[in-house]
Amino acid sequence: MIENKTFCILPFIHFNGYMDGTAKACCDSQKAFTDIDLNSTDINTAFNSDEYKKLRLDMLNGVENSYCTACYDLEKQDINSSRLRWNKHHIKKVPALEKKYFNKKNFKGEIEPNFISLDLRPSNICNFKCRTCNDGFSTKWQEEKEDFYKINKNVLYFGKEKLSGVNKVNFKLNEASMKNIEILYFAGGEPFVLEEHFELLESIKEKKHISIMYNTNFSILKYKGKTIFEYLKDFRSVHFSISIDGLGEVGEFVRTGFDTKIFKKNFLIMKWAIDHYKNVSYDFQYTCSVLNSFNFFEFLEELGENDDLINFHYIQYPFWYNTVNFDEAKNNTIKLFEEKLNTIVSDKLKSAILKYLEYLKNSKVTDWDKINAKKYLRGNVAHTLLFNDIDLPEKMVVINKLINTKIDKKLLSKIFGTFLIIVSIRSFIEYFNIS
């Protein structure tokens, strides 16, 4: 079964729930199940929705289901996907699933919700406003959008372009669904500012066999007067995946709210925690885009950590941040990474970079993609400058060529207004399935 080119173990052992009440096959899926609303149903029931069951059957029958297009597309480019990684990680669990479900002639896709792992995102409350994020995952983005809407009433919103503000969902976990749980993963929003996250921790505090994993911006390490490590000390293990896209002015531009001084202070606290709480570990998640590809090796040098701790990713969506759409940035990135590759010690990181280089060299990009990526990027940068009263870092050579940082505010407003209108029209088309 593991050799099946469509099979993924996650829909059989894993659940991924979001703050707006939606659920996905996993966090890499590009769309949510249309027949699940976690505001009105529980996780156990949602796990066997009609679309969820069809997905499982399609996987077993060699059919590429649209919910998993992201992985299938990567594999067609000979790029390692989450599907392949999770199948490898959980390979020992496949025989039991085959015996209990797959080999039964009357199997209709229904699985007992005895989860091995849960990926839960209780709310979109966040103290950051990262360039590659949106208001669905950050209330800071929501606030900014609303402020802009006040000064530009002509901007159109369709579908999910205009959200209501704070989104929350109450994930109800019972004994049956938690019996076999091994991994509980939290993201947001920012988990460590979410009351709902700490309520969930309280409800499972007796489940000491569980490993807790976080995706965090690493800006807050206290809640109600206690360090977060005190809340987590009794679990089997606690791992922090720290999202960071650079240090200094580049990192602070890409992730609005990020402060290099606070990061370095918190990192010292993390080192202390590892010495005092033996269940704590961490790594870094660096997502390479046109905003920071040139800065990666500077980041490694300044960070001063074992490069085996770096999990290297590259952005594909939104497409206007994808380096592959900008010829100059792409060529310079290829040159830089090839020159510096021999400085990488970690085989894991070196392999990830080689995959990135392969992607940059072999991806087919249309002229339409290139033109529109520039338009969208200009709009996004104009938005940043308009609302944050900052200048672009001088290191962003390519982007500085796309937009004059000295443009007056009125022109910036027009540029961003056009950007949002384009986004809105695209959302309208997608919302009504107009081809």
Protein backbone atom coordinates (compact mmCIF):
# COMPACT_ATOMS: atom_id res chain seq x y z
CA MET A 1 0.00 0.00 0.00
CA ILE A 2 2.82 2.37 0.87
CA GLU A 3 3.99 2.16 -2.78
CA ASN A 4 0.61 3.32 -4.06
CA LYS A 5 1.24 6.67 -5.80
CA THR A 6 -1.91 8.28 -4.38
CA PHE A 7 -2.05 6.76 -0.90
CA CYS A 8 -1.34 8.98 2.10
CA ILE A 9 -1.66 7.71 5.65
CA LEU A 10 -2.70 11.06 7.14
CA PRO A 11 -6.47 10.93 6.29
CA PHE A 12 -6.59 7.63 8.19
CA ILE A 13 -4.84 8.69 11.40
CA HIS A 14 -4.79 12.49 11.47
CA PHE A 15 -7.17 15.45 11.76
CA ASN A 16 -6.47 19.08 10.80
CA GLY A 17 -8.95 21.67 12.14
CA TYR A 18 -9.05 25.44 11.67
CA MET A 19 -10.31 28.48 13.54
CA ASP A 20 -13.09 29.24 11.04
CA GLY A 21 -14.62 25.79 11.56
CA THR A 22 -13.12 24.23 8.42
CA ALA A 23 -11.00 21.10 8.18
CA LYS A 24 -8.42 19.89 5.67
CA ALA A 25 -6.79 16.57 4.87
CA CYS A 26 -3.60 18.16 6.19
CA CYS A 27 -2.02 21.60 6.43
CA ASP A 28 -0.57 21.29 2.90
CA SER A 29 -3.97 20.81 1.29
CA GLN A 30 -5.00 23.79 -0.83
CA LYS A 31 -8.69 23.62 0.10
CA ALA A 32 -10.99 22.66 2.96
CA PHE A 33 -13.67 19.97 2.96
CA THR A 34 -16.97 21.54 1.90
CA ASP A 35 -19.13 19.30 4.09
CA ILE A 36 -17.44 20.00 7.45
CA ASP A 37 -18.30 22.82 9.87
CA LEU A 38 -16.61 22.43 13.24
CA ASN A 39 -18.79 25.20 14.65
CA SER A 40 -21.73 22.81 14.56
CA THR A 41 -20.14 19.35 14.75
CA ASP A 42 -17.36 17.62 16.66
CA ILE A 43 -14.07 16.27 15.36
CA ASN A 44 -15.14 12.63 15.65
CA THR A 45 -18.17 13.14 13.41
CA ALA A 46 -16.28 15.38 10.96
CA PHE A 47 -13.63 12.70 10.51
CA ASN A 48 -16.14 10.58 8.59
CA SER A 49 -17.85 13.17 6.44
CA ASP A 50 -18.82 12.04 2.95
CA GLU A 51 -15.93 13.91 1.33
CA TYR A 52 -13.44 12.58 3.87
CA LYS A 53 -14.55 9.01 3.13
CA LYS A 54 -14.37 9.57 -0.63
CA LEU A 55 -10.83 10.91 -0.26
CA ARG A 56 -9.74 7.71 1.48
CA LEU A 57 -11.35 5.50 -1.15
CA ASP A 58 -9.78 7.52 -3.98
CA MET A 59 -6.36 7.11 -2.39
CA LEU A 60 -6.77 3.36 -2.11
CA ASN A 61 -7.99 3.12 -5.71
CA GLY A 62 -5.16 5.15 -7.24
CA VAL A 63 -7.30 8.23 -7.96
CA GLU A 64 -5.78 11.70 -7.49
CA ASN A 65 -8.28 13.56 -5.33
CA SER A 66 -8.29 17.37 -5.69
CA TYR A 67 -7.85 17.84 -1.94
CA CYS A 68 -4.31 16.51 -2.27
CA THR A 69 -3.19 18.23 -5.46
CA ALA A 70 -0.34 20.06 -3.68
CA CYS A 71 1.57 16.84 -2.98
CA TYR A 72 0.82 15.20 -6.30
CA ASP A 73 2.04 18.28 -8.18
CA LEU A 74 5.31 18.34 -6.23
CA GLU A 75 5.94 14.67 -6.91
CA LYS A 76 5.43 15.16 -10.64
CA GLN A 77 8.39 17.55 -10.42
CA ASP A 78 10.40 14.91 -8.49
CA ILE A 79 10.15 17.00 -5.34
CA ASN A 80 9.73 15.26 -1.98
CA SER A 81 6.20 15.85 -0.68
CA SER A 82 4.52 15.74 2.71
CA ARG A 83 2.68 12.61 1.54
CA LEU A 84 5.95 10.75 1.03
CA ARG A 85 7.45 12.03 4.28
CA TRP A 86 4.44 11.08 6.42
CA ASN A 87 4.12 7.66 4.76
CA LYS A 88 7.75 6.97 5.60
CA HIS A 89 7.31 8.25 9.16
CA HIS A 90 4.25 6.10 9.87
CA ILE A 91 5.12 3.06 7.75
CA LYS A 92 4.81 0.70 10.75
CA LYS A 93 1.13 1.61 11.16
CA VAL A 94 0.12 0.63 7.63
CA PRO A 95 -0.17 -3.19 8.18
CA ALA A 96 -2.71 -2.73 10.99
CA LEU A 97 -4.79 -0.40 8.79
CA GLU A 98 -4.62 -2.89 5.92
CA LYS A 99 -5.83 -5.71 8.15
CA LYS A 100 -8.63 -3.72 9.78
CA TYR A 101 -9.90 -1.67 6.82
CA PHE A 102 -8.20 -1.84 3.43
CA ASN A 103 -8.58 -5.58 2.84
CA LYS A 104 -12.30 -5.59 3.64
CA LYS A 105 -14.48 -5.81 0.52
CA ASN A 106 -17.20 -3.71 2.13
CA PHE A 107 -14.87 -0.89 3.23
CA LYS A 108 -16.58 2.42 2.40
CA GLY A 109 -13.98 4.83 3.73
CA GLU A 110 -15.20 5.08 7.32
CA ILE A 111 -12.50 5.03 10.01
CA GLU A 112 -12.76 4.92 13.78
CA PRO A 113 -11.56 8.32 15.06
CA ASN A 114 -8.75 6.95 17.19
CA PHE A 115 -6.33 9.65 16.13
CA ILE A 116 -2.57 9.26 16.12
CA SER A 117 -2.04 12.98 15.53
CA LEU A 118 -4.06 16.20 15.66
CA ASP A 119 -3.23 19.55 14.03
CA LEU A 120 -5.41 22.19 15.70
CA ARG A 121 -5.58 25.93 15.09
CA PRO A 122 -8.08 27.28 17.64
CA SER A 123 -8.05 30.97 16.61
CA ASN A 124 -6.59 33.52 14.20
CA ILE A 125 -5.58 35.88 17.03
CA CYS A 126 -1.98 36.86 16.39
CA ASN A 127 0.42 39.61 17.40
CA PHE A 128 2.29 39.48 14.06
CA LYS A 129 1.40 40.58 10.54
CA CYS A 130 3.70 38.60 8.28
CA ARG A 131 3.93 39.50 4.60
CA THR A 132 3.22 35.95 3.47
CA CYS A 133 0.22 35.54 5.77
CA ASN A 134 -3.35 36.91 5.62
CA ASP A 135 -6.31 37.92 7.78
CA GLY A 136 -7.53 34.32 7.95
CA PHE A 137 -4.57 33.55 10.22
CA SER A 138 -3.82 36.93 11.75
CA THR A 139 -6.09 39.47 13.42
CA LYS A 140 -3.39 42.08 12.86
CA TRP A 141 -3.96 41.69 9.13
CA GLN A 142 -7.70 41.97 9.71
CA GLU A 143 -7.25 45.28 11.55
CA GLU A 144 -5.07 46.65 8.78
CA LYS A 145 -7.49 45.64 6.06
CA GLU A 146 -10.34 47.34 7.87
CA ASP A 147 -8.28 50.51 8.28
CA PHE A 148 -7.53 50.55 4.57
CA TYR A 149 -11.16 49.95 3.71
CA LYS A 150 -12.07 53.08 5.67
CA ILE A 151 -9.98 55.25 3.35
CA ASN A 152 -10.74 53.45 0.09
CA LYS A 153 -14.44 52.54 -0.12
CA ASN A 154 -14.13 51.53 -3.76
CA VAL A 155 -12.22 48.37 -2.95
CA LEU A 156 -14.36 45.30 -3.58
CA TYR A 157 -14.51 42.28 -1.31
CA PHE A 158 -15.88 38.90 -2.28
CA GLY A 159 -15.87 35.49 -0.69
CA LYS A 160 -13.40 35.31 2.16
CA GLU A 161 -11.57 38.49 1.24
CA LYS A 162 -13.46 40.31 3.99
CA LEU A 163 -13.55 38.35 7.23
CA SER A 164 -15.56 39.26 10.29
CA GLY A 165 -12.56 39.69 12.54
CA VAL A 166 -11.66 37.19 15.22
CA ASN A 167 -12.34 33.55 14.36
CA LYS A 168 -12.47 30.87 17.06
CA VAL A 169 -13.56 27.28 17.27
CA ASN A 170 -13.90 25.06 20.32
CA PHE A 171 -12.25 21.72 19.63
CA LYS A 172 -13.96 19.14 21.81
CA LEU A 173 -11.71 16.17 22.58
CA ASN A 174 -13.08 13.07 24.28
CA GLU A 175 -11.41 10.04 25.85
CA ALA A 176 -12.10 7.77 22.87
CA SER A 177 -10.46 10.07 20.32
CA MET A 178 -7.45 10.73 22.58
CA LYS A 179 -6.75 7.11 23.47
CA ASN A 180 -4.04 6.56 20.85
CA ILE A 181 -2.89 10.12 20.33
CA GLU A 182 0.87 10.52 19.99
CA ILE A 183 1.27 14.03 18.59
CA LEU A 184 -0.73 17.19 19.22
CA TYR A 185 0.31 20.07 16.98
CA PHE A 186 -0.71 23.68 17.61
CA ALA A 187 -0.53 26.63 15.24
CA GLY A 188 -2.58 29.73 14.82
CA GLY A 189 -2.70 32.62 14.96
CA GLU A 190 -0.03 32.54 17.58
CA PRO A 191 -0.64 29.64 20.04
CA PHE A 192 0.90 31.38 23.03
CA VAL A 193 -1.52 34.30 22.97
CA LEU A 194 -4.59 32.04 22.64
CA GLU A 195 -6.68 31.33 25.73
CA GLU A 196 -8.28 28.43 23.80
CA HIS A 197 -4.88 26.77 23.45
CA PHE A 198 -4.25 26.82 27.19
CA GLU A 199 -7.78 25.52 27.85
CA LEU A 200 -7.01 22.56 25.58
CA LEU A 201 -3.74 21.95 27.44
CA GLU A 202 -5.65 21.92 30.72
CA SER A 203 -8.12 19.35 29.36
CA ILE A 204 -5.33 16.90 28.44
CA LYS A 205 -2.84 17.56 31.24
CA GLU A 206 -3.18 13.97 32.49
CA LYS A 207 -2.18 12.56 29.07
CA LYS A 208 1.53 12.58 29.81
CA HIS A 209 2.29 10.23 26.90
CA ILE A 210 1.47 12.95 24.35
CA SER A 211 4.14 14.86 22.44
CA ILE A 212 3.23 18.51 21.90
CA MET A 213 4.48 20.39 18.84
CA TYR A 214 4.18 24.10 18.08
CA ASN A 215 4.55 26.43 15.17
CA THR A 216 5.26 29.75 16.86
CA ASN A 217 6.61 33.20 16.09
CA PHE A 218 8.54 32.89 19.38
CA SER A 219 7.69 36.37 20.60
CA ILE A 220 5.86 35.44 23.83
CA LEU A 221 7.06 32.89 26.39
CA LYS A 222 4.73 33.70 29.31
CA TYR A 223 1.02 33.27 30.03
CA LYS A 224 -0.71 34.58 33.17
CA GLY A 225 2.55 35.06 35.01
CA LYS A 226 4.05 31.62 34.28
CA THR A 227 6.50 30.59 31.60
CA ILE A 228 5.00 28.38 28.93
CA PHE A 229 7.50 25.69 29.92
CA GLU A 230 5.73 25.28 33.27
CA TYR A 231 2.47 24.47 31.47
CA LEU A 232 4.26 21.88 29.34
CA LYS A 233 6.72 20.24 31.72
CA ASP A 234 4.79 16.97 32.25
CA PHE A 235 4.22 15.97 28.63
CA ARG A 236 6.36 13.34 26.95
CA SER A 237 8.09 15.91 24.74
CA VAL A 238 7.58 19.50 23.61
CA HIS A 239 8.97 20.77 20.34
CA PHE A 240 9.02 24.37 19.16
CA SER A 241 9.19 25.02 15.43
CA ILE A 242 10.21 28.65 15.37
CA SER A 243 9.09 30.53 12.27
CA ILE A 244 11.69 33.08 11.26
CA ASP A 245 12.48 34.62 7.88
CA GLY A 246 15.61 36.55 8.71
CA LEU A 247 17.17 38.72 11.39
CA GLY A 248 17.55 42.49 11.50
CA GLU A 249 15.75 44.76 9.06
CA VAL A 250 14.94 42.04 6.53
CA GLY A 251 13.34 39.74 9.09
CA GLU A 252 11.45 42.67 10.59
CA PHE A 253 10.17 43.73 7.16
CA VAL A 254 8.96 40.25 6.19
CA ARG A 255 7.33 39.60 9.60
CA THR A 256 5.79 42.81 10.92
CA GLY A 257 5.92 42.56 14.72
CA PHE A 258 9.18 40.64 14.76
CA ASP A 259 11.87 42.24 16.91
CA THR A 260 15.40 40.88 16.65
CA LYS A 261 16.28 41.94 20.21
CA ILE A 262 13.25 40.14 21.66
CA PHE A 263 14.04 37.06 19.57
CA LYS A 264 17.62 36.90 20.88
CA LYS A 265 16.40 37.38 24.48
CA ASN A 266 13.83 34.62 24.13
CA PHE A 267 16.39 32.35 22.53
CA LEU A 268 18.55 32.60 25.65
CA ILE A 269 15.48 31.63 27.69
CA MET A 270 14.97 28.64 25.37
CA LYS A 271 18.56 27.52 26.01
CA TRP A 272 17.87 27.77 29.74
CA ALA A 273 14.64 25.78 29.38
CA ILE A 274 16.41 22.95 27.55
CA ASP A 275 18.79 22.63 30.50
CA HIS A 276 15.95 22.68 33.07
CA TYR A 277 13.16 20.84 31.24
CA LYS A 278 14.52 17.75 29.54
CA ASN A 279 11.45 17.33 27.32
CA VAL A 280 12.07 20.58 25.37
CA SER A 281 13.56 20.85 21.86
CA TYR A 282 13.40 23.31 18.96
CA ASP A 283 14.19 23.99 15.33
CA PHE A 284 13.80 26.88 12.90
CA GLN A 285 11.44 27.17 9.95
CA TYR A 286 12.85 29.42 7.23
CA THR A 287 10.62 30.05 4.22
CA CYS A 288 12.56 31.34 1.25
CA SER A 289 10.82 33.91 -0.97
CA VAL A 290 11.71 36.80 -3.24
CA LEU A 291 11.75 38.91 -0.06
CA ASN A 292 14.57 37.06 1.67
CA SER A 293 16.27 34.55 -0.64
CA PHE A 294 19.35 36.79 -0.89
CA ASN A 295 19.62 36.93 2.89
CA PHE A 296 19.61 33.24 3.80
CA PHE A 297 23.33 32.73 4.31
CA GLU A 298 23.65 35.97 6.26
CA PHE A 299 20.86 34.66 8.48
CA LEU A 300 22.71 31.38 9.05
CA GLU A 301 25.90 33.19 9.96
CA GLU A 302 24.22 35.62 12.35
CA LEU A 303 22.09 32.93 13.96
CA GLY A 304 25.22 30.97 14.77
CA GLU A 305 23.40 27.69 15.29
CA ASN A 306 23.94 24.20 13.96
CA ASP A 307 22.50 24.32 10.45
CA ASP A 308 20.93 20.90 11.05
CA LEU A 309 18.34 22.83 13.08
CA ILE A 310 17.18 24.73 9.98
CA ASN A 311 14.15 23.42 8.11
CA PHE A 312 14.33 25.09 4.74
CA HIS A 313 11.14 25.73 2.76
CA TYR A 314 10.38 27.80 -0.29
CA ILE A 315 7.17 29.61 -1.00
CA GLN A 316 5.00 28.80 -4.02
CA TYR A 317 1.82 30.59 -2.94
CA PRO A 318 1.05 33.47 -2.98
CA PHE A 319 2.70 33.40 -6.38
CA TRP A 320 3.86 37.05 -6.20
CA TYR A 321 6.38 36.05 -3.51
CA ASN A 322 7.69 33.08 -5.46
CA THR A 323 11.23 33.82 -6.59
CA VAL A 324 10.76 31.74 -9.73
CA ASN A 325 8.52 34.49 -11.20
CA PHE A 326 11.28 37.13 -11.15
CA ASP A 327 14.09 36.42 -13.60
CA GLU A 328 16.72 38.62 -11.98
CA ALA A 329 15.95 37.41 -8.47
CA LYS A 330 15.84 33.79 -9.65
CA ASN A 331 19.19 33.95 -11.45
CA ASN A 332 20.89 35.76 -8.56
CA THR A 333 19.47 33.26 -6.06
CA ILE A 334 20.73 30.30 -8.10
CA LYS A 335 24.19 31.88 -8.34
CA LEU A 336 24.32 32.70 -4.61
CA PHE A 337 23.12 29.29 -3.41
CA GLU A 338 25.48 27.40 -5.72
CA GLU A 339 28.42 29.50 -4.52
CA LYS A 340 27.57 29.00 -0.86
CA LEU A 341 26.37 25.40 -0.92
CA ASN A 342 29.73 24.04 0.22
CA THR A 343 29.43 26.05 3.45
CA ILE A 344 26.44 23.94 4.53
CA VAL A 345 27.33 21.15 6.95
CA SER A 346 23.95 19.50 7.39
CA ASP A 347 23.06 16.87 4.79
CA LYS A 348 19.38 17.56 5.43
CA LEU A 349 19.71 21.27 4.72
CA LYS A 350 21.99 20.69 1.74
CA SER A 351 19.45 18.29 0.25
CA ALA A 352 16.61 20.82 0.73
CA ILE A 353 18.63 23.55 -0.98
CA LEU A 354 19.49 21.27 -3.91
CA LYS A 355 15.76 20.58 -4.33
CA TYR A 356 15.14 24.32 -4.31
CA LEU A 357 17.78 24.91 -6.96
CA GLU A 358 16.28 22.16 -9.08
CA TYR A 359 12.88 23.79 -8.73
CA LEU A 360 14.20 27.24 -9.72
CA LYS A 361 16.00 25.88 -12.77
CA ASN A 362 13.26 23.59 -14.09
CA SER A 363 9.96 25.30 -13.30
CA LYS A 364 8.05 26.56 -16.32
CA VAL A 365 6.77 30.10 -15.82
CA THR A 366 4.56 31.93 -18.31
CA ASP A 367 4.96 35.58 -19.23
CA TRP A 368 1.51 36.13 -17.72
CA ASP A 369 2.76 34.81 -14.36
CA LYS A 370 5.83 37.06 -14.48
CA ILE A 371 3.88 40.21 -15.35
CA ASN A 372 1.18 39.64 -12.75
CA ALA A 373 3.64 38.62 -10.05
CA LYS A 374 5.32 42.02 -10.46
CA LYS A 375 1.97 43.83 -10.27
CA TYR A 376 0.88 41.96 -7.16
CA LEU A 377 4.26 42.37 -5.49
CA ARG A 378 4.23 46.12 -6.12
CA GLY A 379 0.78 46.34 -4.60
CA ASN A 380 1.82 44.38 -1.53
CA VAL A 381 4.96 46.43 -0.97
CA ALA A 382 3.00 49.65 -1.45
CA HIS A 383 0.60 48.43 1.21
CA THR A 384 3.48 47.75 3.59
CA LEU A 385 5.00 51.18 3.15
CA LEU A 386 1.62 52.92 3.38
CA PHE A 387 0.58 51.41 6.69
CA ASN A 388 3.81 50.84 8.55
CA ASP A 389 5.71 54.05 7.90
CA ILE A 390 8.92 52.23 7.06
CA ASP A 391 11.36 52.07 4.19
CA LEU A 392 12.40 49.01 2.29
CA PRO A 393 15.69 47.47 3.42
CA GLU A 394 18.41 48.51 0.99
CA LYS A 395 19.35 44.84 0.59
CA MET A 396 16.09 44.19 -1.26
CA VAL A 397 17.68 45.18 -4.54
CA VAL A 398 15.20 43.52 -6.88
CA ILE A 399 12.17 44.81 -5.03
CA ASN A 400 13.57 48.31 -4.82
CA LYS A 401 13.75 48.22 -8.61
CA LEU A 402 10.07 47.32 -8.80
CA ILE A 403 8.85 50.12 -6.60
CA ASN A 404 10.29 53.52 -5.77
CA THR A 405 10.41 53.83 -1.99
CA LYS A 406 10.04 57.58 -2.24
CA ILE A 407 6.58 57.42 -3.85
CA ASP A 408 4.11 59.66 -2.06
CA LYS A 409 1.34 58.18 0.08
CA LYS A 410 -1.50 59.00 -2.34
CA LEU A 411 0.18 57.08 -5.14
CA LEU A 412 0.91 54.20 -2.79
CA SER A 413 -2.77 54.11 -1.89
CA LYS A 414 -3.74 53.93 -5.57
CA ILE A 415 -1.23 51.13 -6.22
CA PHE A 416 -2.53 49.08 -3.32
CA GLY A 417 -6.13 49.85 -4.22
CA THR A 418 -5.53 48.36 -7.66
CA PHE A 419 -3.85 45.37 -6.06
CA LEU A 420 -6.84 44.64 -3.83
CA ILE A 421 -9.31 45.06 -6.65
CA ILE A 422 -7.37 42.48 -8.71
CA VAL A 423 -7.31 40.11 -5.73
CA SER A 424 -11.03 40.65 -5.19
CA ILE A 425 -11.92 39.92 -8.81
CA ARG A 426 -9.83 36.74 -8.74
CA SER A 427 -11.59 35.70 -5.52
CA PHE A 428 -14.96 36.43 -7.12
CA ILE A 429 -14.11 34.21 -10.08
CA GLU A 430 -12.91 31.39 -7.85
CA TYR A 431 -15.88 31.77 -5.48
CA PHE A 432 -18.42 31.27 -8.26
CA ASN A 433 -16.28 28.73 -10.12
CA ILE A 434 -16.13 30.88 -13.24
CA SER A 435 -13.61 29.55 -15.72
